[in-house]
Amino acid sequence: MARAVADAARTRTRLPDVRALVAAAVQGRRCPLDLLMGELRDGPVRGSASFRRALAEVADGVRSAAEADLHDLIRRAGLPAPIFNARLFAVAGTLLAVPDAYWPDAGVAAEVDWREWHLSP
């Protein structure tokens, strides 16, 4: 599966398409990130720029194409880098939330409302 994802990613010309492909493979538990990283390392360099970027975003905690767009927006705005998909717990250990982006120093969380993700099984 990792080889198929890598090959497909290298043939895509649009970064959003590569992001969606990689996010679907990893989030759908069809292919672990480490196997995709191995395909990037061992495969051809030609056509791999978007694949490399999408894998770096997933490694940073980005889980969807919409979150990758948020990642870009944060970077372009010059904001400090957040923690993506941080698990936030109450004092008693109860899970409160897993926001798309979280800035612990400011206590600020951001959530991308992505209809396709929320309607998927």
N, C-alpha and C. Protein backbone atom coordinates (compact mmCIF):
# COMPACT_ATOMS: atom_id res chain seq x y z
N MET A 1 0.82 -1.20 0.00
CA MET A 1 0.00 0.00 0.00
C MET A 1 0.86 1.26 0.00
N ALA A 2 1.96 1.27 0.77
CA ALA A 2 2.82 2.46 0.84
C ALA A 2 3.37 2.81 -0.54
N ARG A 3 3.77 1.80 -1.28
CA ARG A 3 4.32 2.05 -2.63
C ARG A 3 3.26 2.66 -3.54
N ALA A 4 2.03 2.17 -3.45
CA ALA A 4 0.95 2.69 -4.28
C ALA A 4 0.66 4.15 -3.94
N VAL A 5 0.64 4.47 -2.65
CA VAL A 5 0.40 5.85 -2.23
C VAL A 5 1.54 6.75 -2.72
N ALA A 6 2.77 6.29 -2.55
CA ALA A 6 3.93 7.08 -2.98
C ALA A 6 3.91 7.31 -4.49
N ASP A 7 3.64 6.27 -5.25
CA ASP A 7 3.59 6.40 -6.70
C ASP A 7 2.48 7.36 -7.12
N ALA A 8 1.32 7.23 -6.50
CA ALA A 8 0.20 8.13 -6.83
C ALA A 8 0.53 9.57 -6.45
N ALA A 9 1.17 9.75 -5.29
CA ALA A 9 1.52 11.10 -4.84
C ALA A 9 2.50 11.77 -5.80
N ARG A 10 3.43 11.00 -6.33
CA ARG A 10 4.43 11.58 -7.24
C ARG A 10 3.83 11.98 -8.59
N THR A 11 2.68 11.42 -8.94
CA THR A 11 2.06 11.77 -10.22
C THR A 11 1.10 12.94 -10.10
N ARG A 12 0.75 13.34 -8.89
CA ARG A 12 -0.17 14.46 -8.68
C ARG A 12 0.58 15.77 -8.84
N THR A 13 -0.06 16.75 -9.46
CA THR A 13 0.58 18.04 -9.68
C THR A 13 0.13 19.09 -8.67
N ARG A 14 -0.96 18.84 -7.97
CA ARG A 14 -1.49 19.82 -7.01
C ARG A 14 -1.25 19.34 -5.58
N LEU A 15 -0.67 20.21 -4.76
CA LEU A 15 -0.39 19.89 -3.36
C LEU A 15 -1.65 19.47 -2.60
N PRO A 16 -2.79 20.15 -2.77
CA PRO A 16 -3.99 19.72 -2.05
C PRO A 16 -4.38 18.26 -2.36
N ASP A 17 -4.18 17.83 -3.59
CA ASP A 17 -4.49 16.45 -3.95
C ASP A 17 -3.56 15.46 -3.24
N VAL A 18 -2.28 15.82 -3.15
CA VAL A 18 -1.31 14.95 -2.46
C VAL A 18 -1.61 14.92 -0.97
N ARG A 19 -1.95 16.08 -0.40
CA ARG A 19 -2.30 16.12 1.02
C ARG A 19 -3.49 15.20 1.31
N ALA A 20 -4.51 15.29 0.47
CA ALA A 20 -5.70 14.47 0.68
C ALA A 20 -5.37 12.98 0.57
N LEU A 21 -4.55 12.63 -0.38
CA LEU A 21 -4.15 11.23 -0.59
C LEU A 21 -3.40 10.70 0.63
N VAL A 22 -2.40 11.44 1.08
CA VAL A 22 -1.58 11.01 2.21
C VAL A 22 -2.41 10.98 3.50
N ALA A 23 -3.21 12.01 3.73
CA ALA A 23 -4.03 12.05 4.94
C ALA A 23 -5.02 10.89 4.96
N ALA A 24 -5.63 10.59 3.83
CA ALA A 24 -6.59 9.47 3.77
C ALA A 24 -5.90 8.14 4.07
N ALA A 25 -4.71 7.96 3.55
CA ALA A 25 -3.98 6.70 3.77
C ALA A 25 -3.60 6.54 5.24
N VAL A 26 -3.10 7.60 5.85
CA VAL A 26 -2.64 7.52 7.24
C VAL A 26 -3.82 7.52 8.20
N GLN A 27 -4.76 8.45 8.03
CA GLN A 27 -5.91 8.53 8.93
C GLN A 27 -6.84 7.33 8.82
N GLY A 28 -6.93 6.78 7.62
CA GLY A 28 -7.76 5.60 7.42
C GLY A 28 -7.09 4.32 7.86
N ARG A 29 -5.89 4.46 8.43
CA ARG A 29 -5.09 3.33 8.92
C ARG A 29 -4.82 2.30 7.81
N ARG A 30 -4.72 2.81 6.59
CA ARG A 30 -4.40 1.93 5.47
C ARG A 30 -2.89 1.79 5.30
N CYS A 31 -2.16 2.81 5.81
CA CYS A 31 -0.71 2.80 5.63
C CYS A 31 -0.05 3.63 6.73
N PRO A 32 0.86 3.05 7.49
CA PRO A 32 1.55 3.80 8.54
C PRO A 32 2.51 4.84 7.96
N LEU A 33 2.66 5.92 8.68
CA LEU A 33 3.52 7.02 8.26
C LEU A 33 4.95 6.55 8.03
N ASP A 34 5.48 5.68 8.87
CA ASP A 34 6.88 5.26 8.72
C ASP A 34 7.10 4.52 7.39
N LEU A 35 6.11 3.75 6.93
CA LEU A 35 6.26 3.08 5.63
C LEU A 35 6.26 4.09 4.48
N LEU A 36 5.42 5.13 4.60
CA LEU A 36 5.41 6.18 3.58
C LEU A 36 6.73 6.94 3.57
N MET A 37 7.28 7.19 4.75
CA MET A 37 8.59 7.87 4.84
C MET A 37 9.67 7.02 4.19
N GLY A 38 9.60 5.72 4.37
CA GLY A 38 10.56 4.82 3.73
C GLY A 38 10.44 4.86 2.22
N GLU A 39 9.21 4.92 1.71
CA GLU A 39 9.01 5.03 0.26
C GLU A 39 9.55 6.35 -0.26
N LEU A 40 9.40 7.41 0.51
CA LEU A 40 9.95 8.71 0.10
C LEU A 40 11.47 8.63 0.06
N ARG A 41 12.06 8.05 1.08
CA ARG A 41 13.52 7.94 1.19
C ARG A 41 14.11 7.06 0.08
N ASP A 42 13.46 5.94 -0.19
CA ASP A 42 14.02 4.96 -1.12
C ASP A 42 13.59 5.17 -2.57
N GLY A 43 12.57 5.97 -2.78
CA GLY A 43 12.03 6.14 -4.13
C GLY A 43 12.71 7.27 -4.89
N PRO A 44 12.23 7.52 -6.09
CA PRO A 44 12.81 8.59 -6.91
C PRO A 44 12.53 9.98 -6.33
N VAL A 45 13.48 10.87 -6.53
CA VAL A 45 13.34 12.24 -6.05
C VAL A 45 12.42 13.04 -6.99
N ARG A 46 12.48 12.72 -8.26
CA ARG A 46 11.70 13.45 -9.26
C ARG A 46 10.20 13.35 -8.93
N GLY A 47 9.56 14.51 -8.85
CA GLY A 47 8.13 14.56 -8.59
C GLY A 47 7.74 14.35 -7.14
N SER A 48 8.71 14.39 -6.22
CA SER A 48 8.40 14.06 -4.83
C SER A 48 8.26 15.28 -3.91
N ALA A 49 8.35 16.49 -4.43
CA ALA A 49 8.30 17.68 -3.57
C ALA A 49 6.99 17.77 -2.78
N SER A 50 5.86 17.60 -3.44
CA SER A 50 4.58 17.69 -2.74
C SER A 50 4.40 16.52 -1.78
N PHE A 51 4.87 15.34 -2.19
CA PHE A 51 4.81 14.16 -1.32
C PHE A 51 5.64 14.41 -0.06
N ARG A 52 6.82 14.95 -0.23
CA ARG A 52 7.71 15.26 0.90
C ARG A 52 7.04 16.25 1.85
N ARG A 53 6.42 17.29 1.28
CA ARG A 53 5.77 18.31 2.11
C ARG A 53 4.57 17.72 2.85
N ALA A 54 3.75 16.94 2.16
CA ALA A 54 2.58 16.34 2.80
C ALA A 54 2.99 15.41 3.94
N LEU A 55 4.05 14.63 3.73
CA LEU A 55 4.52 13.74 4.80
C LEU A 55 5.06 14.52 5.99
N ALA A 56 5.75 15.63 5.72
CA ALA A 56 6.27 16.46 6.81
C ALA A 56 5.11 17.04 7.63
N GLU A 57 4.04 17.44 6.96
CA GLU A 57 2.88 17.96 7.67
C GLU A 57 2.22 16.89 8.53
N VAL A 58 2.08 15.70 7.99
CA VAL A 58 1.49 14.60 8.76
C VAL A 58 2.39 14.27 9.95
N ALA A 59 3.69 14.28 9.75
CA ALA A 59 4.62 14.03 10.85
C ALA A 59 4.50 15.09 11.94
N ASP A 60 4.12 16.32 11.55
CA ASP A 60 3.91 17.41 12.51
C ASP A 60 2.58 17.29 13.24
N GLY A 61 1.74 16.33 12.83
CA GLY A 61 0.47 16.13 13.51
C GLY A 61 -0.74 16.53 12.69
N VAL A 62 -0.54 17.03 11.48
CA VAL A 62 -1.65 17.40 10.62
C VAL A 62 -2.35 16.13 10.16
N ARG A 63 -3.69 16.10 10.25
CA ARG A 63 -4.42 14.87 9.95
C ARG A 63 -5.34 14.95 8.74
N SER A 64 -5.45 16.12 8.13
CA SER A 64 -6.36 16.23 6.99
C SER A 64 -5.89 17.35 6.07
N ALA A 65 -6.44 17.37 4.88
CA ALA A 65 -6.11 18.43 3.93
C ALA A 65 -6.53 19.79 4.49
N ALA A 66 -7.68 19.84 5.17
CA ALA A 66 -8.15 21.10 5.75
C ALA A 66 -7.19 21.59 6.85
N GLU A 67 -6.68 20.67 7.65
CA GLU A 67 -5.70 21.05 8.67
C GLU A 67 -4.40 21.53 8.03
N ALA A 68 -4.04 20.96 6.91
CA ALA A 68 -2.84 21.41 6.19
C ALA A 68 -3.02 22.84 5.71
N ASP A 69 -4.23 23.17 5.27
CA ASP A 69 -4.52 24.55 4.88
C ASP A 69 -4.37 25.48 6.08
N LEU A 70 -4.85 25.04 7.25
CA LEU A 70 -4.69 25.82 8.48
C LEU A 70 -3.21 25.97 8.81
N HIS A 71 -2.45 24.92 8.65
CA HIS A 71 -1.00 24.93 8.88
C HIS A 71 -0.35 26.02 8.02
N ASP A 72 -0.72 26.06 6.73
CA ASP A 72 -0.19 27.09 5.82
C ASP A 72 -0.59 28.50 6.27
N LEU A 73 -1.84 28.67 6.64
CA LEU A 73 -2.34 29.97 7.08
C LEU A 73 -1.58 30.46 8.30
N ILE A 74 -1.35 29.58 9.26
CA ILE A 74 -0.61 29.94 10.48
C ILE A 74 0.81 30.36 10.13
N ARG A 75 1.45 29.60 9.24
CA ARG A 75 2.82 29.92 8.84
C ARG A 75 2.89 31.26 8.10
N ARG A 76 1.97 31.46 7.15
CA ARG A 76 1.96 32.72 6.38
C ARG A 76 1.67 33.93 7.26
N ALA A 77 0.86 33.74 8.29
CA ALA A 77 0.51 34.84 9.19
C ALA A 77 1.64 35.16 10.17
N GLY A 78 2.66 34.28 10.23
CA GLY A 78 3.77 34.51 11.15
C GLY A 78 3.44 34.18 12.60
N LEU A 79 2.40 33.38 12.80
CA LEU A 79 2.04 32.99 14.16
C LEU A 79 3.00 31.93 14.69
N PRO A 80 3.12 31.82 15.99
CA PRO A 80 3.94 30.75 16.55
C PRO A 80 3.35 29.40 16.15
N ALA A 81 4.20 28.41 16.02
CA ALA A 81 3.74 27.07 15.64
C ALA A 81 2.95 26.46 16.78
N PRO A 82 1.76 25.94 16.48
CA PRO A 82 0.97 25.28 17.51
C PRO A 82 1.32 23.80 17.60
N ILE A 83 0.70 23.12 18.52
CA ILE A 83 0.73 21.67 18.58
C ILE A 83 -0.52 21.22 17.84
N PHE A 84 -0.36 20.38 16.83
CA PHE A 84 -1.50 19.90 16.09
C PHE A 84 -2.06 18.64 16.74
N ASN A 85 -3.38 18.63 16.90
CA ASN A 85 -4.11 17.48 17.44
C ASN A 85 -3.62 17.07 18.83
N ALA A 86 -3.37 18.07 19.65
CA ALA A 86 -2.96 17.81 21.04
C ALA A 86 -4.15 17.24 21.82
N ARG A 87 -3.88 16.27 22.64
CA ARG A 87 -4.94 15.69 23.49
C ARG A 87 -4.95 16.50 24.79
N LEU A 88 -6.06 17.18 25.05
CA LEU A 88 -6.18 18.04 26.24
C LEU A 88 -7.03 17.31 27.29
N PHE A 89 -6.49 17.25 28.50
CA PHE A 89 -7.14 16.54 29.59
C PHE A 89 -7.48 17.47 30.74
N ALA A 90 -8.55 17.17 31.45
CA ALA A 90 -8.90 17.86 32.69
C ALA A 90 -7.97 17.36 33.78
N VAL A 91 -7.98 18.04 34.90
CA VAL A 91 -7.12 17.68 36.02
C VAL A 91 -7.36 16.23 36.44
N ALA A 92 -8.60 15.78 36.38
CA ALA A 92 -8.93 14.42 36.79
C ALA A 92 -8.55 13.37 35.75
N GLY A 93 -7.98 13.79 34.62
CA GLY A 93 -7.56 12.86 33.60
C GLY A 93 -8.59 12.58 32.53
N THR A 94 -9.71 13.29 32.56
CA THR A 94 -10.76 13.12 31.56
C THR A 94 -10.38 13.88 30.28
N LEU A 95 -10.50 13.22 29.15
CA LEU A 95 -10.21 13.87 27.88
C LEU A 95 -11.21 14.99 27.64
N LEU A 96 -10.71 16.20 27.42
CA LEU A 96 -11.57 17.36 27.13
C LEU A 96 -11.79 17.54 25.64
N ALA A 97 -10.69 17.49 24.89
CA ALA A 97 -10.79 17.78 23.46
C ALA A 97 -9.49 17.40 22.77
N VAL A 98 -9.57 17.29 21.45
CA VAL A 98 -8.40 17.12 20.59
C VAL A 98 -8.54 18.17 19.48
N PRO A 99 -8.16 19.41 19.78
CA PRO A 99 -8.32 20.47 18.78
C PRO A 99 -7.32 20.31 17.64
N ASP A 100 -7.67 20.86 16.49
CA ASP A 100 -6.77 20.78 15.33
C ASP A 100 -5.45 21.49 15.59
N ALA A 101 -5.48 22.61 16.28
CA ALA A 101 -4.27 23.34 16.63
C ALA A 101 -4.42 23.87 18.05
N TYR A 102 -3.33 23.86 18.80
CA TYR A 102 -3.37 24.31 20.19
C TYR A 102 -2.08 25.03 20.53
N TRP A 103 -2.23 26.22 21.08
CA TRP A 103 -1.10 27.02 21.55
C TRP A 103 -1.13 26.99 23.08
N PRO A 104 -0.34 26.12 23.71
CA PRO A 104 -0.42 25.97 25.17
C PRO A 104 -0.04 27.23 25.94
N ASP A 105 0.91 28.01 25.43
CA ASP A 105 1.33 29.22 26.14
C ASP A 105 0.19 30.24 26.23
N ALA A 106 -0.68 30.27 25.23
CA ALA A 106 -1.78 31.22 25.21
C ALA A 106 -3.10 30.58 25.64
N GLY A 107 -3.14 29.25 25.72
CA GLY A 107 -4.38 28.57 26.05
C GLY A 107 -5.42 28.70 24.96
N VAL A 108 -4.96 28.77 23.71
CA VAL A 108 -5.86 28.97 22.56
C VAL A 108 -5.89 27.70 21.72
N ALA A 109 -7.10 27.31 21.32
CA ALA A 109 -7.29 26.15 20.46
C ALA A 109 -8.03 26.58 19.20
N ALA A 110 -7.76 25.88 18.10
CA ALA A 110 -8.46 26.15 16.83
C ALA A 110 -8.97 24.83 16.27
N GLU A 111 -10.14 24.89 15.68
CA GLU A 111 -10.76 23.71 15.08
C GLU A 111 -11.20 24.07 13.67
N VAL A 112 -10.83 23.22 12.71
CA VAL A 112 -11.25 23.41 11.33
C VAL A 112 -12.53 22.61 11.14
N ASP A 113 -13.58 23.27 10.72
CA ASP A 113 -14.84 22.58 10.49
C ASP A 113 -14.85 22.12 9.04
N TRP A 114 -14.55 20.85 8.86
CA TRP A 114 -14.42 20.27 7.53
C TRP A 114 -15.53 19.26 7.34
N ARG A 115 -16.52 19.64 6.58
CA ARG A 115 -17.73 18.83 6.41
C ARG A 115 -17.42 17.40 5.96
N GLU A 116 -16.55 17.22 4.97
CA GLU A 116 -16.25 15.88 4.45
C GLU A 116 -15.72 14.97 5.55
N TRP A 117 -14.82 15.49 6.40
CA TRP A 117 -14.24 14.68 7.47
C TRP A 117 -15.31 14.30 8.48
N HIS A 118 -16.14 15.25 8.88
CA HIS A 118 -17.16 14.99 9.90
C HIS A 118 -18.25 14.05 9.40
N LEU A 119 -18.49 14.00 8.10
CA LEU A 119 -19.52 13.13 7.58
C LEU A 119 -18.99 11.75 7.20
N SER A 120 -17.67 11.56 7.26
CA SER A 120 -17.12 10.26 6.90
C SER A 120 -17.28 9.28 8.06
N PRO A 121 -17.29 7.98 7.76
CA PRO A 121 -17.45 7.01 8.85
C PRO A 121 -16.25 7.01 9.78
